[in-house]
Amino acid sequence: MNQMSAIPDEIRALPEQDHPRPVVALAADLPLGFVSEWHSHERGQLLYTKSGSVSVRTEGGDYVLPPDRAVWIAPGDGHATRYLMRSELRTIYVRTEQAPGLPKITTAVNVTPLLRELLLAFMTFSRDYEENGPQGRLVQVMLDQIIAAPTAGLRLPIPEDAKLKQLAEIVRNDPQTVRPTVEIARDLAMSLRTFERRFAKDTGMPFRSWRNKAKMLKALELLSTGSSVGETADHLGYEGQSAFIASFKSTFGTTPGRYFS
């Protein structure tokens, strides 16, 4: 029996947030372009795609998740998702009081091979799994792995200031557009120094670094949906593949090919 057929029908239905078990699962196979509008959960959520790619917008920033990356969404945090290709969603909802070491804030995480197998095994359990038996012990190991999972550099912080937020939205949607920062500041009726100070205060990053991060997240989106390295470099306005690969490696610590392998 393969993992797809081993998933109980109940796991493919949205769970009740007040279910008595501390962790509940949801498996769904979602088409390209599927959108989940803005919402929140009482429980913390580990949003993971076994295959595919998803863009996640949260109150504190945007994420692009290729396969085997996940985002931990803290309880009560608003979020919306858009699936960039056909995706196998394998997500869990956790009562965070059951595992105090879980992240207190929304953050992206790498899914290690062990955590991946634990998540997929959990998808085969009944929602009323036995807490005091082997299944309950596996759940605890799974939570320990989430706590220990390394954080992935996939978050793009969004400014709180209304003018800066509007600018961020424009750049996020079209990061290859390059305009001198002094012109951007002038359009916002700010001096260059004021703009740079306010942007860095709101996002924790200089604008130039933030714009490069926006490009890199767009690169993840393009690469995960089938664009080649050359096509992606061209789309984002790089003069050649070498410059793009160097920027990608500086952001994510590895080349695009190794990242997706």
C-alpha atoms as a PDB file:
ATOM      1  CA  MET A   1       0.000   0.000   0.000  1.00  0.00           C
ATOM      2  CA  ASN A   2       1.484   3.370  -0.940  1.00  0.00           C
ATOM      3  CA  GLN A   3       1.352   6.482   1.230  1.00  0.00           C
ATOM      4  CA  MET A   4      -1.400   8.080  -0.832  1.00  0.00           C
ATOM      5  CA  SER A   5      -3.835   5.175  -0.378  1.00  0.00           C
ATOM      6  CA  ALA A   6      -2.824   4.808   3.300  1.00  0.00           C
ATOM      7  CA  ILE A   7      -4.199   8.242   4.197  1.00  0.00           C
ATOM      8  CA  PRO A   8      -7.593   7.806   5.939  1.00  0.00           C
ATOM      9  CA  ASP A   9     -10.524   9.687   4.405  1.00  0.00           C
ATOM     10  CA  GLU A  10     -10.986  11.689   7.622  1.00  0.00           C
ATOM     11  CA  ILE A  11      -7.496  13.192   7.225  1.00  0.00           C
ATOM     12  CA  ARG A  12      -8.587  14.677   3.896  1.00  0.00           C
ATOM     13  CA  ALA A  13     -11.341  16.698   5.593  1.00  0.00           C
ATOM     14  CA  LEU A  14     -10.669  19.962   7.442  1.00  0.00           C
ATOM     15  CA  PRO A  15     -10.355  19.101  11.156  1.00  0.00           C
ATOM     16  CA  GLU A  16     -12.243  20.701  13.999  1.00  0.00           C
ATOM     17  CA  GLN A  17      -9.911  22.994  15.911  1.00  0.00           C
ATOM     18  CA  ASP A  18     -11.346  21.731  19.218  1.00  0.00           C
ATOM     19  CA  HIS A  19     -10.567  18.093  18.440  1.00  0.00           C
ATOM     20  CA  PRO A  20      -9.401  16.420  21.681  1.00  0.00           C
ATOM     21  CA  ARG A  21      -6.004  15.298  20.353  1.00  0.00           C
ATOM     22  CA  PRO A  22      -3.119  17.791  20.704  1.00  0.00           C
ATOM     23  CA  VAL A  23      -2.096  17.379  17.042  1.00  0.00           C
ATOM     24  CA  VAL A  24      -4.434  16.904  14.072  1.00  0.00           C
ATOM     25  CA  ALA A  25      -3.527  16.416  10.417  1.00  0.00           C
ATOM     26  CA  LEU A  26      -4.899  17.528   7.071  1.00  0.00           C
ATOM     27  CA  ALA A  27      -3.891  16.106   3.671  1.00  0.00           C
ATOM     28  CA  ALA A  28      -5.072  17.758   0.461  1.00  0.00           C
ATOM     29  CA  ASP A  29      -4.027  17.653  -3.174  1.00  0.00           C
ATOM     30  CA  LEU A  30      -4.482  21.181  -4.488  1.00  0.00           C
ATOM     31  CA  PRO A  31      -4.483  22.450  -8.089  1.00  0.00           C
ATOM     32  CA  LEU A  32      -2.367  25.212  -9.595  1.00  0.00           C
ATOM     33  CA  GLY A  33      -3.795  28.575  -8.598  1.00  0.00           C
ATOM     34  CA  PHE A  34      -5.769  27.361  -5.579  1.00  0.00           C
ATOM     35  CA  VAL A  35      -6.168  30.219  -3.094  1.00  0.00           C
ATOM     36  CA  SER A  36      -6.986  30.128   0.599  1.00  0.00           C
ATOM     37  CA  GLU A  37      -8.232  33.555   1.647  1.00  0.00           C
ATOM     38  CA  TRP A  38      -7.114  35.398   4.786  1.00  0.00           C
ATOM     39  CA  HIS A  39      -7.844  33.364   7.932  1.00  0.00           C
ATOM     40  CA  SER A  40      -6.329  32.220  11.224  1.00  0.00           C
ATOM     41  CA  HIS A  41      -6.369  29.192  13.536  1.00  0.00           C
ATOM     42  CA  GLU A  42      -6.544  28.733  17.291  1.00  0.00           C
ATOM     43  CA  ARG A  43      -3.753  26.163  16.999  1.00  0.00           C
ATOM     44  CA  GLY A  44      -0.284  26.579  15.625  1.00  0.00           C
ATOM     45  CA  GLN A  45       0.102  25.195  12.099  1.00  0.00           C
ATOM     46  CA  LEU A  46       3.027  23.606  10.289  1.00  0.00           C
ATOM     47  CA  LEU A  47       2.167  24.210   6.636  1.00  0.00           C
ATOM     48  CA  TYR A  48       4.148  21.739   4.534  1.00  0.00           C
ATOM     49  CA  THR A  49       3.935  20.640   0.907  1.00  0.00           C
ATOM     50  CA  LYS A  50       5.263  17.181   0.082  1.00  0.00           C
ATOM     51  CA  SER A  51       5.419  18.312  -3.536  1.00  0.00           C
ATOM     52  CA  GLY A  52       4.575  21.528  -5.327  1.00  0.00           C
ATOM     53  CA  SER A  53       5.059  25.127  -4.254  1.00  0.00           C
ATOM     54  CA  VAL A  54       3.047  27.653  -2.272  1.00  0.00           C
ATOM     55  CA  SER A  55       3.208  31.381  -1.574  1.00  0.00           C
ATOM     56  CA  VAL A  56       2.174  32.283   1.971  1.00  0.00           C
ATOM     57  CA  ARG A  57       1.268  35.797   3.062  1.00  0.00           C
ATOM     58  CA  THR A  58       1.253  36.456   6.806  1.00  0.00           C
ATOM     59  CA  GLU A  59       0.867  39.505   9.010  1.00  0.00           C
ATOM     60  CA  GLY A  60       4.632  39.771   9.454  1.00  0.00           C
ATOM     61  CA  GLY A  61       5.909  38.898   5.998  1.00  0.00           C
ATOM     62  CA  ASP A  62       5.667  36.798   2.859  1.00  0.00           C
ATOM     63  CA  TYR A  63       7.109  33.336   2.210  1.00  0.00           C
ATOM     64  CA  VAL A  64       7.638  31.195  -0.874  1.00  0.00           C
ATOM     65  CA  LEU A  65       7.882  27.491  -0.047  1.00  0.00           C
ATOM     66  CA  PRO A  66       9.357  25.037  -2.554  1.00  0.00           C
ATOM     67  CA  PRO A  67       9.110  21.296  -1.778  1.00  0.00           C
ATOM     68  CA  ASP A  68      10.404  20.150   1.592  1.00  0.00           C
ATOM     69  CA  ARG A  69      10.240  23.589   3.152  1.00  0.00           C
ATOM     70  CA  ALA A  70       7.529  24.578   5.604  1.00  0.00           C
ATOM     71  CA  VAL A  71       6.258  27.560   7.511  1.00  0.00           C
ATOM     72  CA  TRP A  72       5.281  27.444  11.154  1.00  0.00           C
ATOM     73  CA  ILE A  73       2.272  29.736  11.644  1.00  0.00           C
ATOM     74  CA  ALA A  74       1.808  30.838  15.244  1.00  0.00           C
ATOM     75  CA  PRO A  75      -1.670  30.524  16.807  1.00  0.00           C
ATOM     76  CA  GLY A  76      -3.959  33.391  15.858  1.00  0.00           C
ATOM     77  CA  ASP A  77      -1.682  34.758  13.111  1.00  0.00           C
ATOM     78  CA  GLY A  78      -3.608  35.715   9.986  1.00  0.00           C
ATOM     79  CA  HIS A  79      -2.414  34.215   6.715  1.00  0.00           C
ATOM     80  CA  ALA A  80      -3.419  33.464   3.126  1.00  0.00           C
ATOM     81  CA  THR A  81      -1.984  30.991   0.622  1.00  0.00           C
ATOM     82  CA  ARG A  82      -1.680  30.709  -3.149  1.00  0.00           C
ATOM     83  CA  TYR A  83      -0.495  27.471  -4.740  1.00  0.00           C
ATOM     84  CA  LEU A  84       1.987  28.072  -7.558  1.00  0.00           C
ATOM     85  CA  MET A  85       1.665  24.570  -9.002  1.00  0.00           C
ATOM     86  CA  ARG A  86      -0.200  21.368  -8.258  1.00  0.00           C
ATOM     87  CA  SER A  87       0.757  20.602  -4.659  1.00  0.00           C
ATOM     88  CA  GLU A  88       0.415  17.854  -2.077  1.00  0.00           C
ATOM     89  CA  LEU A  89      -0.386  19.675   1.157  1.00  0.00           C
ATOM     90  CA  ARG A  90       0.477  17.766   4.326  1.00  0.00           C
ATOM     91  CA  THR A  91      -0.178  20.060   7.279  1.00  0.00           C
ATOM     92  CA  ILE A  92      -0.653  19.682  11.020  1.00  0.00           C
ATOM     93  CA  TYR A  93      -2.373  21.831  13.650  1.00  0.00           C
ATOM     94  CA  VAL A  94      -0.843  21.800  17.128  1.00  0.00           C
ATOM     95  CA  ARG A  95      -1.970  22.897  20.574  1.00  0.00           C
ATOM     96  CA  THR A  96       1.169  24.755  21.448  1.00  0.00           C
ATOM     97  CA  GLU A  97       0.785  24.228  25.186  1.00  0.00           C
ATOM     98  CA  GLN A  98       1.628  20.568  24.446  1.00  0.00           C
ATOM     99  CA  ALA A  99       5.107  21.563  23.243  1.00  0.00           C
ATOM    100  CA  PRO A 100       6.318  24.807  24.893  1.00  0.00           C
ATOM    101  CA  GLY A 101       9.483  24.867  22.789  1.00  0.00           C
ATOM    102  CA  LEU A 102       7.635  25.432  19.519  1.00  0.00           C
ATOM    103  CA  PRO A 103       8.341  28.807  17.853  1.00  0.00           C
ATOM    104  CA  LYS A 104       6.427  31.698  19.410  1.00  0.00           C
ATOM    105  CA  ILE A 105       6.302  33.579  16.116  1.00  0.00           C
ATOM    106  CA  THR A 106       5.552  32.652  12.526  1.00  0.00           C
ATOM    107  CA  THR A 107       8.732  31.456  10.811  1.00  0.00           C
ATOM    108  CA  ALA A 108       9.934  29.283   7.918  1.00  0.00           C
ATOM    109  CA  VAL A 109      11.695  25.994   8.682  1.00  0.00           C
ATOM    110  CA  ASN A 110      13.614  23.397   6.714  1.00  0.00           C
ATOM    111  CA  VAL A 111      11.983  19.978   6.736  1.00  0.00           C
ATOM    112  CA  THR A 112      14.709  17.445   7.488  1.00  0.00           C
ATOM    113  CA  PRO A 113      14.440  13.917   6.053  1.00  0.00           C
ATOM    114  CA  LEU A 114      13.439  12.608   9.490  1.00  0.00           C
ATOM    115  CA  LEU A 115      10.774  15.256  10.021  1.00  0.00           C
ATOM    116  CA  ARG A 116       9.416  14.579   6.529  1.00  0.00           C
ATOM    117  CA  GLU A 117       8.992  10.871   7.256  1.00  0.00           C
ATOM    118  CA  LEU A 118       7.374  11.580  10.623  1.00  0.00           C
ATOM    119  CA  LEU A 119       4.884  13.973   9.006  1.00  0.00           C
ATOM    120  CA  LEU A 120       3.996  11.477   6.276  1.00  0.00           C
ATOM    121  CA  ALA A 121       3.624   8.664   8.820  1.00  0.00           C
ATOM    122  CA  PHE A 122       1.331  10.862  10.928  1.00  0.00           C
ATOM    123  CA  MET A 123      -0.919  11.338   7.896  1.00  0.00           C
ATOM    124  CA  THR A 124      -1.732   7.603   8.083  1.00  0.00           C
ATOM    125  CA  PHE A 125      -2.977   7.770  11.693  1.00  0.00           C
ATOM    126  CA  SER A 126      -6.587   8.092  12.771  1.00  0.00           C
ATOM    127  CA  ARG A 127      -7.392  11.509  14.211  1.00  0.00           C
ATOM    128  CA  ASP A 128      -8.196   9.653  17.441  1.00  0.00           C
ATOM    129  CA  TYR A 129      -4.740   8.096  17.671  1.00  0.00           C
ATOM    130  CA  GLU A 130      -3.696   6.537  20.966  1.00  0.00           C
ATOM    131  CA  GLU A 131      -1.821   9.233  22.884  1.00  0.00           C
ATOM    132  CA  ASN A 132      -0.211   6.833  25.356  1.00  0.00           C
ATOM    133  CA  GLY A 133       1.020   4.265  22.828  1.00  0.00           C
ATOM    134  CA  PRO A 134       3.559   4.125  19.999  1.00  0.00           C
ATOM    135  CA  GLN A 135       1.626   6.645  17.906  1.00  0.00           C
ATOM    136  CA  GLY A 136       1.635   9.163  20.732  1.00  0.00           C
ATOM    137  CA  ARG A 137       5.392   8.725  21.131  1.00  0.00           C
ATOM    138  CA  LEU A 138       5.878   9.323  17.398  1.00  0.00           C
ATOM    139  CA  VAL A 139       3.874  12.538  17.692  1.00  0.00           C
ATOM    140  CA  GLN A 140       6.167  13.736  20.477  1.00  0.00           C
ATOM    141  CA  VAL A 141       9.266  12.991  18.407  1.00  0.00           C
ATOM    142  CA  MET A 142       7.675  14.874  15.495  1.00  0.00           C
ATOM    143  CA  LEU A 143       7.115  17.942  17.695  1.00  0.00           C
ATOM    144  CA  ASP A 144      10.679  17.706  18.995  1.00  0.00           C
ATOM    145  CA  GLN A 145      11.921  17.682  15.396  1.00  0.00           C
ATOM    146  CA  ILE A 146       9.914  20.816  14.575  1.00  0.00           C
ATOM    147  CA  ILE A 147      11.448  22.543  17.593  1.00  0.00           C
ATOM    148  CA  ALA A 148      14.944  21.499  16.464  1.00  0.00           C
ATOM    149  CA  ALA A 149      14.409  22.138  12.708  1.00  0.00           C
ATOM    150  CA  PRO A 150      16.758  24.775  11.278  1.00  0.00           C
ATOM    151  CA  THR A 151      15.134  28.006  10.177  1.00  0.00           C
ATOM    152  CA  ALA A 152      15.027  28.670   6.439  1.00  0.00           C
ATOM    153  CA  GLY A 153      15.779  32.159   5.103  1.00  0.00           C
ATOM    154  CA  LEU A 154      12.495  32.433   3.227  1.00  0.00           C
ATOM    155  CA  ARG A 155      10.749  35.366   4.916  1.00  0.00           C
ATOM    156  CA  LEU A 156      10.327  38.773   3.313  1.00  0.00           C
ATOM    157  CA  PRO A 157       9.343  41.265   6.058  1.00  0.00           C
ATOM    158  CA  ILE A 158       6.604  43.752   5.168  1.00  0.00           C
ATOM    159  CA  PRO A 159       6.772  47.364   6.456  1.00  0.00           C
ATOM    160  CA  GLU A 160       4.021  48.648   8.727  1.00  0.00           C
ATOM    161  CA  ASP A 161       4.113  52.246   7.450  1.00  0.00           C
ATOM    162  CA  ALA A 162       1.354  52.667   4.834  1.00  0.00           C
ATOM    163  CA  LYS A 163       3.549  54.366   2.199  1.00  0.00           C
ATOM    164  CA  LEU A 164       6.367  51.888   2.635  1.00  0.00           C
ATOM    165  CA  LYS A 165       3.933  48.980   2.596  1.00  0.00           C
ATOM    166  CA  GLN A 166       2.538  50.169  -0.734  1.00  0.00           C
ATOM    167  CA  LEU A 167       6.043  50.438  -2.128  1.00  0.00           C
ATOM    168  CA  ALA A 168       6.872  46.955  -0.843  1.00  0.00           C
ATOM    169  CA  GLU A 169       3.816  45.565  -2.599  1.00  0.00           C
ATOM    170  CA  ILE A 170       4.924  47.078  -5.927  1.00  0.00           C
ATOM    171  CA  VAL A 171       8.483  45.787  -5.587  1.00  0.00           C
ATOM    172  CA  ARG A 172       7.346  42.359  -4.363  1.00  0.00           C
ATOM    173  CA  ASN A 173       5.151  41.888  -7.430  1.00  0.00           C
ATOM    174  CA  ASP A 174       7.763  43.220  -9.862  1.00  0.00           C
ATOM    175  CA  PRO A 175      11.209  42.936  -8.208  1.00  0.00           C
ATOM    176  CA  GLN A 176      13.129  43.084 -11.475  1.00  0.00           C
ATOM    177  CA  THR A 177      12.173  46.729 -11.940  1.00  0.00           C
ATOM    178  CA  VAL A 178      15.202  48.741 -10.886  1.00  0.00           C
ATOM    179  CA  ARG A 179      14.854  52.425 -10.005  1.00  0.00           C
ATOM    180  CA  PRO A 180      17.423  54.501  -8.143  1.00  0.00           C
ATOM    181  CA  THR A 181      16.652  54.644  -4.447  1.00  0.00           C
ATOM    182  CA  VAL A 182      16.861  58.431  -4.492  1.00  0.00           C
ATOM    183  CA  GLU A 183      13.971  58.523  -6.992  1.00  0.00           C
ATOM    184  CA  ILE A 184      11.896  56.200  -4.847  1.00  0.00           C
ATOM    185  CA  ALA A 185      12.503  58.402  -1.800  1.00  0.00           C
ATOM    186  CA  ARG A 186      11.543  61.523  -3.757  1.00  0.00           C
ATOM    187  CA  ASP A 187       8.274  59.911  -4.918  1.00  0.00           C
ATOM    188  CA  LEU A 188       7.453  59.211  -1.266  1.00  0.00           C
ATOM    189  CA  ALA A 189       8.194  62.844  -0.318  1.00  0.00           C
ATOM    190  CA  MET A 190      11.167  61.800   1.799  1.00  0.00           C
ATOM    191  CA  SER A 191      14.846  62.544   1.782  1.00  0.00           C
ATOM    192  CA  LEU A 192      17.035  59.574   0.877  1.00  0.00           C
ATOM    193  CA  ARG A 193      18.342  59.375   4.428  1.00  0.00           C
ATOM    194  CA  THR A 194      14.827  59.459   5.947  1.00  0.00           C
ATOM    195  CA  PHE A 195      13.574  56.785   3.548  1.00  0.00           C
ATOM    196  CA  GLU A 196      16.463  54.438   4.252  1.00  0.00           C
ATOM    197  CA  ARG A 197      16.184  54.937   8.012  1.00  0.00           C
ATOM    198  CA  ARG A 198      12.419  54.353   8.100  1.00  0.00           C
ATOM    199  CA  PHE A 199      12.541  51.350   5.799  1.00  0.00           C
ATOM    200  CA  ALA A 200      15.292  49.681   7.821  1.00  0.00           C
ATOM    201  CA  LYS A 201      13.426  50.400  11.068  1.00  0.00           C
ATOM    202  CA  ASP A 202      10.212  48.821   9.749  1.00  0.00           C
ATOM    203  CA  THR A 203      11.759  45.732   8.154  1.00  0.00           C
ATOM    204  CA  GLY A 204      15.053  45.210   9.954  1.00  0.00           C
ATOM    205  CA  MET A 205      16.830  45.354   6.580  1.00  0.00           C
ATOM    206  CA  PRO A 206      18.323  48.063   4.356  1.00  0.00           C
ATOM    207  CA  PHE A 207      16.130  48.665   1.315  1.00  0.00           C
ATOM    208  CA  ARG A 208      18.782  47.365  -1.098  1.00  0.00           C
ATOM    209  CA  SER A 209      19.030  44.064   0.825  1.00  0.00           C
ATOM    210  CA  TRP A 210      15.242  43.843   1.058  1.00  0.00           C
ATOM    211  CA  ARG A 211      14.828  44.341  -2.693  1.00  0.00           C
ATOM    212  CA  ASN A 212      17.414  41.627  -3.372  1.00  0.00           C
ATOM    213  CA  LYS A 213      15.550  39.279  -1.007  1.00  0.00           C
ATOM    214  CA  ALA A 214      12.336  40.021  -2.909  1.00  0.00           C
ATOM    215  CA  LYS A 215      14.131  39.032  -6.102  1.00  0.00           C
ATOM    216  CA  MET A 216      15.335  35.808  -4.547  1.00  0.00           C
ATOM    217  CA  LEU A 217      11.874  34.813  -3.337  1.00  0.00           C
ATOM    218  CA  LYS A 218      10.545  35.542  -6.818  1.00  0.00           C
ATOM    219  CA  ALA A 219      13.349  33.342  -8.112  1.00  0.00           C
ATOM    220  CA  LEU A 220      12.189  30.500  -5.859  1.00  0.00           C
ATOM    221  CA  GLU A 221       8.669  30.944  -7.212  1.00  0.00           C
ATOM    222  CA  LEU A 222       9.853  30.825 -10.825  1.00  0.00           C
ATOM    223  CA  LEU A 223      12.287  27.937 -10.344  1.00  0.00           C
ATOM    224  CA  SER A 224       9.782  25.837  -8.412  1.00  0.00           C
ATOM    225  CA  THR A 225       7.260  26.182 -11.229  1.00  0.00           C
ATOM    226  CA  GLY A 226       9.652  24.965 -13.916  1.00  0.00           C
ATOM    227  CA  SER A 227      11.633  27.980 -15.137  1.00  0.00           C
ATOM    228  CA  SER A 228      15.270  27.263 -15.919  1.00  0.00           C
ATOM    229  CA  VAL A 229      18.100  29.111 -14.196  1.00  0.00           C
ATOM    230  CA  GLY A 230      18.737  31.082 -17.371  1.00  0.00           C
ATOM    231  CA  GLU A 231      15.089  32.038 -17.812  1.00  0.00           C
ATOM    232  CA  THR A 232      14.843  33.068 -14.185  1.00  0.00           C
ATOM    233  CA  ALA A 233      18.003  35.174 -14.346  1.00  0.00           C
ATOM    234  CA  ASP A 234      16.714  36.913 -17.467  1.00  0.00           C
ATOM    235  CA  HIS A 235      13.252  37.505 -15.990  1.00  0.00           C
ATOM    236  CA  LEU A 236      14.759  39.128 -12.898  1.00  0.00           C
ATOM    237  CA  GLY A 237      17.032  41.428 -14.871  1.00  0.00           C
ATOM    238  CA  TYR A 238      20.426  39.807 -14.203  1.00  0.00           C
ATOM    239  CA  GLU A 239      23.057  40.257 -16.883  1.00  0.00           C
ATOM    240  CA  GLY A 240      23.862  36.556 -16.852  1.00  0.00           C
ATOM    241  CA  GLN A 241      23.433  33.273 -15.012  1.00  0.00           C
ATOM    242  CA  SER A 242      26.662  33.687 -13.050  1.00  0.00           C
ATOM    243  CA  ALA A 243      25.495  36.913 -11.371  1.00  0.00           C
ATOM    244  CA  PHE A 244      22.142  35.352 -10.549  1.00  0.00           C
ATOM    245  CA  ILE A 245      23.669  32.175  -9.112  1.00  0.00           C
ATOM    246  CA  ALA A 246      26.073  34.233  -6.974  1.00  0.00           C
ATOM    247  CA  SER A 247      23.173  36.267  -5.564  1.00  0.00           C
ATOM    248  CA  PHE A 248      21.127  33.114  -4.936  1.00  0.00           C
ATOM    249  CA  LYS A 249      24.035  31.446  -3.137  1.00  0.00           C
ATOM    250  CA  SER A 250      24.634  34.557  -1.029  1.00  0.00           C
ATOM    251  CA  THR A 251      20.988  34.484   0.100  1.00  0.00           C
ATOM    252  CA  PHE A 252      20.364  30.758   0.573  1.00  0.00           C
ATOM    253  CA  GLY A 253      23.861  29.371   1.078  1.00  0.00           C
ATOM    254  CA  THR A 254      23.800  27.099  -1.969  1.00  0.00           C
ATOM    255  CA  THR A 255      23.222  27.105  -5.718  1.00  0.00           C
ATOM    256  CA  PRO A 256      19.715  26.790  -7.244  1.00  0.00           C
ATOM    257  CA  GLY A 257      20.421  23.255  -8.442  1.00  0.00           C
ATOM    258  CA  ARG A 258      21.524  22.015  -5.025  1.00  0.00           C
ATOM    259  CA  TYR A 259      18.738  23.904  -3.274  1.00  0.00           C
ATOM    260  CA  PHE A 260      16.049  22.078  -5.221  1.00  0.00           C
ATOM    261  CA  SER A 261      17.764  18.700  -4.986  1.00  0.00           C
END
